[in-house]
PDB file of N, CA and C in Angstrom:
ATOM      1  N   MET A   1     -12.943  -4.217 -38.035  1.00  0.00           N
ATOM      2  CA  MET A   1     -12.161  -3.117 -37.504  1.00  0.00           C
ATOM      3  C   MET A   1     -10.704  -3.553 -37.393  1.00  0.00           C
ATOM      4  N   THR A   2      -9.810  -2.720 -37.867  1.00  0.00           N
ATOM      5  CA  THR A   2      -8.386  -3.015 -37.786  1.00  0.00           C
ATOM      6  C   THR A   2      -7.756  -2.273 -36.611  1.00  0.00           C
ATOM      7  N   LEU A   3      -6.785  -2.908 -35.966  1.00  0.00           N
ATOM      8  CA  LEU A   3      -6.102  -2.282 -34.844  1.00  0.00           C
ATOM      9  C   LEU A   3      -4.724  -1.754 -35.249  1.00  0.00           C
ATOM     10  N   GLN A   4      -4.451  -1.727 -36.546  1.00  0.00           N
ATOM     11  CA  GLN A   4      -3.147  -1.257 -37.008  1.00  0.00           C
ATOM     12  C   GLN A   4      -2.902   0.177 -36.540  1.00  0.00           C
ATOM     13  N   GLY A   5      -1.766   0.401 -35.868  1.00  0.00           N
ATOM     14  CA  GLY A   5      -1.435   1.719 -35.356  1.00  0.00           C
ATOM     15  C   GLY A   5      -2.128   2.056 -34.047  1.00  0.00           C
ATOM     16  N   LYS A   6      -2.931   1.129 -33.537  1.00  0.00           N
ATOM     17  CA  LYS A   6      -3.664   1.347 -32.290  1.00  0.00           C
ATOM     18  C   LYS A   6      -3.168   0.351 -31.244  1.00  0.00           C
ATOM     19  N   LEU A   7      -3.584   0.530 -30.016  1.00  0.00           N
ATOM     20  CA  LEU A   7      -3.129  -0.343 -28.938  1.00  0.00           C
ATOM     21  C   LEU A   7      -4.279  -0.609 -27.975  1.00  0.00           C
ATOM     22  N   PHE A   8      -4.563  -1.878 -27.749  1.00  0.00           N
ATOM     23  CA  PHE A   8      -5.607  -2.279 -26.811  1.00  0.00           C
ATOM     24  C   PHE A   8      -4.964  -2.324 -25.426  1.00  0.00           C
ATOM     25  N   CYS A   9      -5.456  -1.510 -24.508  1.00  0.00           N
ATOM     26  CA  CYS A   9      -4.821  -1.433 -23.188  1.00  0.00           C
ATOM     27  C   CYS A   9      -5.831  -1.595 -22.068  1.00  0.00           C
ATOM     28  N   SER A  10      -5.281  -1.892 -20.885  1.00  0.00           N
ATOM     29  CA  SER A  10      -6.056  -1.942 -19.649  1.00  0.00           C
ATOM     30  C   SER A  10      -5.548  -0.825 -18.754  1.00  0.00           C
ATOM     31  N   ILE A  11      -6.452  -0.247 -17.984  1.00  0.00           N
ATOM     32  CA  ILE A  11      -6.107   0.858 -17.103  1.00  0.00           C
ATOM     33  C   ILE A  11      -6.459   0.448 -15.673  1.00  0.00           C
ATOM     34  N   TYR A  12      -5.494   0.676 -14.769  1.00  0.00           N
ATOM     35  CA  TYR A  12      -5.661   0.347 -13.355  1.00  0.00           C
ATOM     36  C   TYR A  12      -5.464   1.604 -12.511  1.00  0.00           C
ATOM     37  N   ARG A  13      -6.206   1.693 -11.431  1.00  0.00           N
ATOM     38  CA  ARG A  13      -6.108   2.809 -10.488  1.00  0.00           C
ATOM     39  C   ARG A  13      -5.369   2.326  -9.249  1.00  0.00           C
ATOM     40  N   SER A  14      -4.485   3.169  -8.732  1.00  0.00           N
ATOM     41  CA  SER A  14      -3.748   2.860  -7.513  1.00  0.00           C
ATOM     42  C   SER A  14      -4.655   3.048  -6.302  1.00  0.00           C
ATOM     43  N   SER A  15      -4.578   2.114  -5.360  1.00  0.00           N
ATOM     44  CA  SER A  15      -5.356   2.259  -4.129  1.00  0.00           C
ATOM     45  C   SER A  15      -4.631   3.155  -3.115  1.00  0.00           C
ATOM     46  N   ARG A  16      -3.355   3.414  -3.349  1.00  0.00           N
ATOM     47  CA  ARG A  16      -2.565   4.212  -2.413  1.00  0.00           C
ATOM     48  C   ARG A  16      -2.487   5.691  -2.749  1.00  0.00           C
ATOM     49  N   ARG A  17      -2.614   6.019  -4.005  1.00  0.00           N
ATOM     50  CA  ARG A  17      -2.436   7.409  -4.405  1.00  0.00           C
ATOM     51  C   ARG A  17      -3.584   7.832  -5.313  1.00  0.00           C
ATOM     52  N   SER A  18      -4.289   8.838  -4.871  1.00  0.00           N
ATOM     53  CA  SER A  18      -5.432   9.339  -5.626  1.00  0.00           C
ATOM     54  C   SER A  18      -4.993   9.834  -7.010  1.00  0.00           C
ATOM     55  N   GLU A  19      -5.743   9.497  -7.997  1.00  0.00           N
ATOM     56  CA  GLU A  19      -5.547   9.934  -9.384  1.00  0.00           C
ATOM     57  C   GLU A  19      -4.256   9.427 -10.023  1.00  0.00           C
ATOM     58  N   MET A  20      -3.702   8.327  -9.528  1.00  0.00           N
ATOM     59  CA  MET A  20      -2.549   7.695 -10.168  1.00  0.00           C
ATOM     60  C   MET A  20      -3.065   6.466 -10.916  1.00  0.00           C
ATOM     61  N   TYR A  21      -2.739   6.378 -12.209  1.00  0.00           N
ATOM     62  CA  TYR A  21      -3.228   5.294 -13.055  1.00  0.00           C
ATOM     63  C   TYR A  21      -2.080   4.605 -13.775  1.00  0.00           C
ATOM     64  N   LEU A  22      -2.232   3.308 -13.986  1.00  0.00           N
ATOM     65  CA  LEU A  22      -1.249   2.506 -14.677  1.00  0.00           C
ATOM     66  C   LEU A  22      -1.901   1.951 -15.939  1.00  0.00           C
ATOM     67  N   PHE A  23      -1.298   2.249 -17.081  1.00  0.00           N
ATOM     68  CA  PHE A  23      -1.770   1.755 -18.373  1.00  0.00           C
ATOM     69  C   PHE A  23      -0.850   0.620 -18.799  1.00  0.00           C
ATOM     70  N   VAL A  24      -1.421  -0.501 -19.231  1.00  0.00           N
ATOM     71  CA  VAL A  24      -0.635  -1.640 -19.710  1.00  0.00           C
ATOM     72  C   VAL A  24      -1.300  -2.213 -20.953  1.00  0.00           C
ATOM     73  N   ALA A  25      -0.522  -2.937 -21.755  1.00  0.00           N
ATOM     74  CA  ALA A  25      -1.100  -3.624 -22.907  1.00  0.00           C
ATOM     75  C   ALA A  25      -2.059  -4.691 -22.403  1.00  0.00           C
ATOM     76  N   ARG A  26      -3.212  -4.765 -22.978  1.00  0.00           N
ATOM     77  CA  ARG A  26      -4.237  -5.731 -22.546  1.00  0.00           C
ATOM     78  C   ARG A  26      -3.719  -7.161 -22.665  1.00  0.00           C
ATOM     79  N   ALA A  27      -2.958  -7.434 -23.707  1.00  0.00           N
ATOM     80  CA  ALA A  27      -2.481  -8.795 -23.965  1.00  0.00           C
ATOM     81  C   ALA A  27      -1.501  -9.287 -22.906  1.00  0.00           C
ATOM     82  N   THR A  28      -0.664  -8.394 -22.370  1.00  0.00           N
ATOM     83  CA  THR A  28       0.353  -8.815 -21.400  1.00  0.00           C
ATOM     84  C   THR A  28      -0.029  -8.503 -19.966  1.00  0.00           C
ATOM     85  N   GLY A  29      -0.972  -7.608 -19.767  1.00  0.00           N
ATOM     86  CA  GLY A  29      -1.403  -7.268 -18.418  1.00  0.00           C
ATOM     87  C   GLY A  29      -0.284  -6.651 -17.602  1.00  0.00           C
ATOM     88  N   LEU A  30      -0.208  -7.027 -16.344  1.00  0.00           N
ATOM     89  CA  LEU A  30       0.751  -6.433 -15.411  1.00  0.00           C
ATOM     90  C   LEU A  30       2.103  -7.149 -15.410  1.00  0.00           C
ATOM     91  N   ASP A  31       2.298  -8.128 -16.294  1.00  0.00           N
ATOM     92  CA  ASP A  31       3.528  -8.921 -16.314  1.00  0.00           C
ATOM     93  C   ASP A  31       4.796  -8.089 -16.491  1.00  0.00           C
ATOM     94  N   ALA A  32       4.750  -7.006 -17.260  1.00  0.00           N
ATOM     95  CA  ALA A  32       5.947  -6.211 -17.557  1.00  0.00           C
ATOM     96  C   ALA A  32       6.206  -5.109 -16.532  1.00  0.00           C
ATOM     97  N   VAL A  33       5.295  -4.918 -15.603  1.00  0.00           N
ATOM     98  CA  VAL A  33       5.436  -3.840 -14.611  1.00  0.00           C
ATOM     99  C   VAL A  33       6.417  -4.289 -13.523  1.00  0.00           C
ATOM    100  N   PRO A  34       7.447  -3.462 -13.237  1.00  0.00           N
ATOM    101  CA  PRO A  34       8.408  -3.842 -12.194  1.00  0.00           C
ATOM    102  C   PRO A  34       7.728  -4.059 -10.842  1.00  0.00           C
ATOM    103  N   LYS A  35       8.225  -5.042 -10.107  1.00  0.00           N
ATOM    104  CA  LYS A  35       7.643  -5.400  -8.813  1.00  0.00           C
ATOM    105  C   LYS A  35       7.624  -4.217  -7.850  1.00  0.00           C
ATOM    106  N   VAL A  36       8.698  -3.433  -7.846  1.00  0.00           N
ATOM    107  CA  VAL A  36       8.784  -2.298  -6.930  1.00  0.00           C
ATOM    108  C   VAL A  36       7.683  -1.270  -7.220  1.00  0.00           C
ATOM    109  N   LEU A  37       7.361  -1.073  -8.486  1.00  0.00           N
ATOM    110  CA  LEU A  37       6.285  -0.154  -8.853  1.00  0.00           C
ATOM    111  C   LEU A  37       4.937  -0.712  -8.408  1.00  0.00           C
ATOM    112  N   LEU A  38       4.729  -1.992  -8.610  1.00  0.00           N
ATOM    113  CA  LEU A  38       3.481  -2.620  -8.174  1.00  0.00           C
ATOM    114  C   LEU A  38       3.301  -2.473  -6.666  1.00  0.00           C
ATOM    115  N   GLU A  39       4.389  -2.618  -5.916  1.00  0.00           N
ATOM    116  CA  GLU A  39       4.318  -2.475  -4.464  1.00  0.00           C
ATOM    117  C   GLU A  39       3.968  -1.044  -4.064  1.00  0.00           C
ATOM    118  N   GLN A  40       4.534  -0.069  -4.783  1.00  0.00           N
ATOM    119  CA  GLN A  40       4.256   1.338  -4.476  1.00  0.00           C
ATOM    120  C   GLN A  40       2.820   1.723  -4.806  1.00  0.00           C
ATOM    121  N   CYS A  41       2.244   1.067  -5.780  1.00  0.00           N
ATOM    122  CA  CYS A  41       0.865   1.377  -6.180  1.00  0.00           C
ATOM    123  C   CYS A  41      -0.162   0.826  -5.197  1.00  0.00           C
ATOM    124  N   GLY A  42       0.231  -0.177  -4.428  1.00  0.00           N
ATOM    125  CA  GLY A  42      -0.740  -0.819  -3.560  1.00  0.00           C
ATOM    126  C   GLY A  42      -1.634  -1.728  -4.388  1.00  0.00           C
ATOM    127  N   LYS A  43      -2.839  -1.940  -3.914  1.00  0.00           N
ATOM    128  CA  LYS A  43      -3.782  -2.774  -4.661  1.00  0.00           C
ATOM    129  C   LYS A  43      -4.213  -2.006  -5.912  1.00  0.00           C
ATOM    130  N   LEU A  44      -4.062  -2.630  -7.056  1.00  0.00           N
ATOM    131  CA  LEU A  44      -4.498  -2.013  -8.306  1.00  0.00           C
ATOM    132  C   LEU A  44      -5.932  -2.430  -8.603  1.00  0.00           C
ATOM    133  N   VAL A  45      -6.749  -1.465  -8.926  1.00  0.00           N
ATOM    134  CA  VAL A  45      -8.150  -1.695  -9.229  1.00  0.00           C
ATOM    135  C   VAL A  45      -8.356  -1.483 -10.727  1.00  0.00           C
ATOM    136  N   HIS A  46      -8.846  -2.516 -11.420  1.00  0.00           N
ATOM    137  CA  HIS A  46      -9.086  -2.394 -12.861  1.00  0.00           C
ATOM    138  C   HIS A  46     -10.200  -1.383 -13.096  1.00  0.00           C
ATOM    139  N   VAL A  47      -9.903  -0.378 -13.904  1.00  0.00           N
ATOM    140  CA  VAL A  47     -10.861   0.692 -14.178  1.00  0.00           C
ATOM    141  C   VAL A  47     -11.546   0.489 -15.519  1.00  0.00           C
ATOM    142  N   SER A  48     -10.737   0.167 -16.548  1.00  0.00           N
ATOM    143  CA  SER A  48     -11.295   0.122 -17.885  1.00  0.00           C
ATOM    144  C   SER A  48     -10.330  -0.528 -18.863  1.00  0.00           C
ATOM    145  N   ASP A  49     -10.861  -0.946 -19.987  1.00  0.00           N
ATOM    146  CA  ASP A  49     -10.072  -1.355 -21.151  1.00  0.00           C
ATOM    147  C   ASP A  49     -10.440  -0.395 -22.269  1.00  0.00           C
ATOM    148  N   MET A  50      -9.454  -0.015 -23.052  1.00  0.00           N
ATOM    149  CA  MET A  50      -9.757   0.881 -24.171  1.00  0.00           C
ATOM    150  C   MET A  50      -8.745   0.692 -25.293  1.00  0.00           C
ATOM    151  N   ILE A  51      -9.119   1.142 -26.460  1.00  0.00           N
ATOM    152  CA  ILE A  51      -8.220   1.119 -27.609  1.00  0.00           C
ATOM    153  C   ILE A  51      -7.607   2.502 -27.725  1.00  0.00           C
ATOM    154  N   LEU A  52      -6.277   2.568 -27.581  1.00  0.00           N
ATOM    155  CA  LEU A  52      -5.575   3.832 -27.749  1.00  0.00           C
ATOM    156  C   LEU A  52      -5.329   4.049 -29.236  1.00  0.00           C
ATOM    157  N   ASP A  53      -5.601   5.249 -29.681  1.00  0.00           N
ATOM    158  CA  ASP A  53      -5.462   5.615 -31.087  1.00  0.00           C
ATOM    159  C   ASP A  53      -4.789   6.982 -31.135  1.00  0.00           C
ATOM    160  N   PRO A  54      -3.699   7.125 -31.894  1.00  0.00           N
ATOM    161  CA  PRO A  54      -3.011   8.416 -31.969  1.00  0.00           C
ATOM    162  C   PRO A  54      -3.927   9.566 -32.395  1.00  0.00           C
ATOM    163  N   LYS A  55      -5.028   9.256 -33.036  1.00  0.00           N
ATOM    164  CA  LYS A  55      -5.950  10.302 -33.508  1.00  0.00           C
ATOM    165  C   LYS A  55      -6.968  10.716 -32.446  1.00  0.00           C
ATOM    166  N   ARG A  56      -7.010   9.968 -31.323  1.00  0.00           N
ATOM    167  CA  ARG A  56      -7.967  10.280 -30.257  1.00  0.00           C
ATOM    168  C   ARG A  56      -7.222  10.675 -28.992  1.00  0.00           C
ATOM    169  N   PRO A  57      -7.241  11.943 -28.625  1.00  0.00           N
ATOM    170  CA  PRO A  57      -6.467  12.399 -27.473  1.00  0.00           C
ATOM    171  C   PRO A  57      -7.008  11.874 -26.148  1.00  0.00           C
ATOM    172  N   LEU A  58      -6.116  11.808 -25.176  1.00  0.00           N
ATOM    173  CA  LEU A  58      -6.485  11.475 -23.803  1.00  0.00           C
ATOM    174  C   LEU A  58      -6.605  12.778 -23.017  1.00  0.00           C
ATOM    175  N   ALA A  59      -7.298  12.744 -21.913  1.00  0.00           N
ATOM    176  CA  ALA A  59      -7.541  13.957 -21.133  1.00  0.00           C
ATOM    177  C   ALA A  59      -6.278  14.510 -20.484  1.00  0.00           C
ATOM    178  N   ARG A  60      -5.432  13.654 -19.923  1.00  0.00           N
ATOM    179  CA  ARG A  60      -4.291  14.148 -19.146  1.00  0.00           C
ATOM    180  C   ARG A  60      -2.926  13.735 -19.668  1.00  0.00           C
ATOM    181  N   ALA A  61      -2.862  13.050 -20.778  1.00  0.00           N
ATOM    182  CA  ALA A  61      -1.572  12.591 -21.281  1.00  0.00           C
ATOM    183  C   ALA A  61      -1.570  12.605 -22.798  1.00  0.00           C
ATOM    184  N   ASP A  62      -0.381  12.698 -23.354  1.00  0.00           N
ATOM    185  CA  ASP A  62      -0.196  12.626 -24.806  1.00  0.00           C
ATOM    186  C   ASP A  62      -0.357  11.160 -25.206  1.00  0.00           C
ATOM    187  N   VAL A  63      -1.361  10.875 -25.991  1.00  0.00           N
ATOM    188  CA  VAL A  63      -1.680   9.485 -26.332  1.00  0.00           C
ATOM    189  C   VAL A  63      -0.513   8.794 -27.030  1.00  0.00           C
ATOM    190  N   SER A  64       0.234   9.503 -27.850  1.00  0.00           N
ATOM    191  CA  SER A  64       1.386   8.892 -28.533  1.00  0.00           C
ATOM    192  C   SER A  64       2.463   8.500 -27.528  1.00  0.00           C
ATOM    193  N   LYS A  65       2.694   9.346 -26.537  1.00  0.00           N
ATOM    194  CA  LYS A  65       3.678   9.029 -25.492  1.00  0.00           C
ATOM    195  C   LYS A  65       3.232   7.812 -24.686  1.00  0.00           C
ATOM    196  N   VAL A  66       1.955   7.745 -24.356  1.00  0.00           N
ATOM    197  CA  VAL A  66       1.417   6.602 -23.610  1.00  0.00           C
ATOM    198  C   VAL A  66       1.638   5.322 -24.411  1.00  0.00           C
ATOM    199  N   MET A  67       1.306   5.355 -25.677  1.00  0.00           N
ATOM    200  CA  MET A  67       1.458   4.177 -26.532  1.00  0.00           C
ATOM    201  C   MET A  67       2.929   3.775 -26.658  1.00  0.00           C
ATOM    202  N   ASP A  68       3.814   4.759 -26.854  1.00  0.00           N
ATOM    203  CA  ASP A  68       5.246   4.473 -26.986  1.00  0.00           C
ATOM    204  C   ASP A  68       5.792   3.827 -25.718  1.00  0.00           C
ATOM    205  N   GLU A  69       5.429   4.370 -24.554  1.00  0.00           N
ATOM    206  CA  GLU A  69       5.939   3.816 -23.301  1.00  0.00           C
ATOM    207  C   GLU A  69       5.409   2.412 -23.039  1.00  0.00           C
ATOM    208  N   ILE A  70       4.154   2.165 -23.383  1.00  0.00           N
ATOM    209  CA  ILE A  70       3.612   0.808 -23.208  1.00  0.00           C
ATOM    210  C   ILE A  70       4.369  -0.160 -24.117  1.00  0.00           C
ATOM    211  N   ARG A  71       4.628   0.253 -25.341  1.00  0.00           N
ATOM    212  CA  ARG A  71       5.350  -0.624 -26.271  1.00  0.00           C
ATOM    213  C   ARG A  71       6.813  -0.814 -25.858  1.00  0.00           C
ATOM    214  N   ASP A  72       7.459   0.255 -25.344  1.00  0.00           N
ATOM    215  CA  ASP A  72       8.876   0.175 -24.983  1.00  0.00           C
ATOM    216  C   ASP A  72       9.116  -0.442 -23.608  1.00  0.00           C
ATOM    217  N   LYS A  73       8.357  -0.011 -22.611  1.00  0.00           N
ATOM    218  CA  LYS A  73       8.580  -0.434 -21.226  1.00  0.00           C
ATOM    219  C   LYS A  73       7.569  -1.467 -20.739  1.00  0.00           C
ATOM    220  N   GLY A  74       6.431  -1.539 -21.397  1.00  0.00           N
ATOM    221  CA  GLY A  74       5.380  -2.459 -20.969  1.00  0.00           C
ATOM    222  C   GLY A  74       4.308  -1.804 -20.130  1.00  0.00           C
ATOM    223  N   PHE A  75       4.496  -0.501 -19.818  1.00  0.00           N
ATOM    224  CA  PHE A  75       3.503   0.206 -19.014  1.00  0.00           C
ATOM    225  C   PHE A  75       3.687   1.712 -19.167  1.00  0.00           C
ATOM    226  N   TYR A  76       2.663   2.455 -18.764  1.00  0.00           N
ATOM    227  CA  TYR A  76       2.738   3.913 -18.657  1.00  0.00           C
ATOM    228  C   TYR A  76       2.107   4.279 -17.321  1.00  0.00           C
ATOM    229  N   LEU A  77       2.822   5.059 -16.522  1.00  0.00           N
ATOM    230  CA  LEU A  77       2.325   5.486 -15.222  1.00  0.00           C
ATOM    231  C   LEU A  77       1.871   6.938 -15.327  1.00  0.00           C
ATOM    232  N   GLN A  78       0.588   7.160 -15.098  1.00  0.00           N
ATOM    233  CA  GLN A  78       0.031   8.519 -15.104  1.00  0.00           C
ATOM    234  C   GLN A  78      -0.042   8.995 -13.661  1.00  0.00           C
ATOM    235  N   MET A  79       0.763  10.008 -13.367  1.00  0.00           N
ATOM    236  CA  MET A  79       0.813  10.559 -12.018  1.00  0.00           C
ATOM    237  C   MET A  79      -0.336  11.541 -11.807  1.00  0.00           C
ATOM    238  N   PRO A  80      -0.683  11.798 -10.547  1.00  0.00           N
ATOM    239  CA  PRO A  80      -1.743  12.773 -10.268  1.00  0.00           C
ATOM    240  C   PRO A  80      -1.326  14.159 -10.756  1.00  0.00           C
ATOM    241  N   PRO A  81      -2.288  14.992 -11.092  1.00  0.00           N
ATOM    242  CA  PRO A  81      -1.942  16.352 -11.514  1.00  0.00           C
ATOM    243  C   PRO A  81      -1.355  17.117 -10.330  1.00  0.00           C
ATOM    244  N   PRO A  82      -0.561  18.157 -10.606  1.00  0.00           N
ATOM    245  CA  PRO A  82      -0.027  18.948  -9.496  1.00  0.00           C
ATOM    246  C   PRO A  82      -1.160  19.610  -8.729  1.00  0.00           C
ATOM    247  N   PRO A  83      -0.938  19.883  -7.453  1.00  0.00           N
ATOM    248  CA  PRO A  83      -2.007  20.506  -6.670  1.00  0.00           C
ATOM    249  C   PRO A  83      -2.317  21.908  -7.185  1.00  0.00           C
ATOM    250  N   ASP A  84      -3.529  22.322  -6.976  1.00  0.00           N
ATOM    251  CA  ASP A  84      -3.960  23.666  -7.358  1.00  0.00           C
ATOM    252  C   ASP A  84      -3.251  24.661  -6.443  1.00  0.00           C
ATOM    253  N   GLU A  85      -2.416  25.518  -7.025  1.00  0.00           N
ATOM    254  CA  GLU A  85      -1.612  26.444  -6.227  1.00  0.00           C
ATOM    255  C   GLU A  85      -2.481  27.368  -5.379  1.00  0.00           C
ATOM    256  N   ASP A  86      -3.594  27.825  -5.927  1.00  0.00           N
ATOM    257  CA  ASP A  86      -4.466  28.709  -5.156  1.00  0.00           C
ATOM    258  C   ASP A  86      -5.028  28.007  -3.931  1.00  0.00           C
ATOM    259  N   LEU A  87      -5.404  26.740  -4.103  1.00  0.00           N
ATOM    260  CA  LEU A  87      -5.921  25.968  -2.975  1.00  0.00           C
ATOM    261  C   LEU A  87      -4.826  25.758  -1.937  1.00  0.00           C
ATOM    262  N   PHE A  88      -3.617  25.429  -2.403  1.00  0.00           N
ATOM    263  CA  PHE A  88      -2.500  25.185  -1.502  1.00  0.00           C
ATOM    264  C   PHE A  88      -2.146  26.439  -0.701  1.00  0.00           C
ATOM    265  N   LEU A  89      -2.230  27.590  -1.337  1.00  0.00           N
ATOM    266  CA  LEU A  89      -1.861  28.835  -0.674  1.00  0.00           C
ATOM    267  C   LEU A  89      -2.963  29.389   0.218  1.00  0.00           C
ATOM    268  N   ALA A  90      -4.128  28.805   0.164  1.00  0.00           N
ATOM    269  CA  ALA A  90      -5.258  29.311   0.951  1.00  0.00           C
ATOM    270  C   ALA A  90      -4.990  29.164   2.445  1.00  0.00           C
ATOM    271  N   ALA A  91      -5.404  30.163   3.184  1.00  0.00           N
ATOM    272  CA  ALA A  91      -5.261  30.116   4.642  1.00  0.00           C
ATOM    273  C   ALA A  91      -6.000  28.902   5.186  1.00  0.00           C
ATOM    274  N   GLY A  92      -5.340  28.175   6.059  1.00  0.00           N
ATOM    275  CA  GLY A  92      -5.969  27.022   6.675  1.00  0.00           C
ATOM    276  C   GLY A  92      -5.687  25.710   5.986  1.00  0.00           C
ATOM    277  N   HIS A  93      -5.060  25.728   4.797  1.00  0.00           N
ATOM    278  CA  HIS A  93      -4.742  24.463   4.120  1.00  0.00           C
ATOM    279  C   HIS A  93      -3.680  23.743   4.948  1.00  0.00           C
ATOM    280  N   PRO A  94      -3.884  22.472   5.278  1.00  0.00           N
ATOM    281  CA  PRO A  94      -2.974  21.768   6.184  1.00  0.00           C
ATOM    282  C   PRO A  94      -1.555  21.600   5.646  1.00  0.00           C
ATOM    283  N   ASP A  95      -1.349  21.654   4.340  1.00  0.00           N
ATOM    284  CA  ASP A  95      -0.013  21.473   3.776  1.00  0.00           C
ATOM    285  C   ASP A  95       0.738  22.783   3.581  1.00  0.00           C
ATOM    286  N   ASN A  96       0.113  23.894   3.892  1.00  0.00           N
ATOM    287  CA  ASN A  96       0.749  25.198   3.740  1.00  0.00           C
ATOM    288  C   ASN A  96       1.159  25.721   5.108  1.00  0.00           C
ATOM    289  N   PRO A  97       2.468  25.706   5.395  1.00  0.00           N
ATOM    290  CA  PRO A  97       2.908  26.131   6.728  1.00  0.00           C
ATOM    291  C   PRO A  97       2.622  27.599   6.999  1.00  0.00           C
ATOM    292  N   ARG A  98       2.502  28.407   5.961  1.00  0.00           N
ATOM    293  CA  ARG A  98       2.193  29.827   6.159  1.00  0.00           C
ATOM    294  C   ARG A  98       0.700  30.111   6.049  1.00  0.00           C
ATOM    295  N   GLY A  99      -0.082  29.079   5.827  1.00  0.00           N
ATOM    296  CA  GLY A  99      -1.510  29.264   5.605  1.00  0.00           C
ATOM    297  C   GLY A  99      -2.349  29.192   6.868  1.00  0.00           C
ATOM    298  N   LYS A 100      -1.804  29.675   7.958  1.00  0.00           N
ATOM    299  CA  LYS A 100      -2.571  29.667   9.215  1.00  0.00           C
ATOM    300  C   LYS A 100      -3.728  30.658   9.118  1.00  0.00           C
ATOM    301  N   PRO A 101      -4.903  30.246   9.513  1.00  0.00           N
ATOM    302  CA  PRO A 101      -6.025  31.174   9.470  1.00  0.00           C
ATOM    303  C   PRO A 101      -5.778  32.351  10.418  1.00  0.00           C
ATOM    304  N   SER A 102      -6.241  33.528  10.009  1.00  0.00           N
ATOM    305  CA  SER A 102      -6.029  34.714  10.851  1.00  0.00           C
ATOM    306  C   SER A 102      -7.066  34.810  11.946  1.00  0.00           C
TER     307      SER A 102
END
């Protein structure tokens, strides 16, 4: 199997923020990730290793962008998806100041 055009990466989950993931090249690991970012992530939990391939899409990110950022910056940070607006607007949701139950 050839890895030409592909990238072997490791994926880590942030212990501080739900659904935040850090993708790094498997060969270099977390060495290229800025210290301040590592501190903001809290304890990183290794989730998986995978081969990124431009022909195989990722669920929440453009695989080509992920690969480019890992090659250029040494990492790709996948932020949590935006909150569900309907859930946020629901009466009683703690983050909605106007969502007081009637």
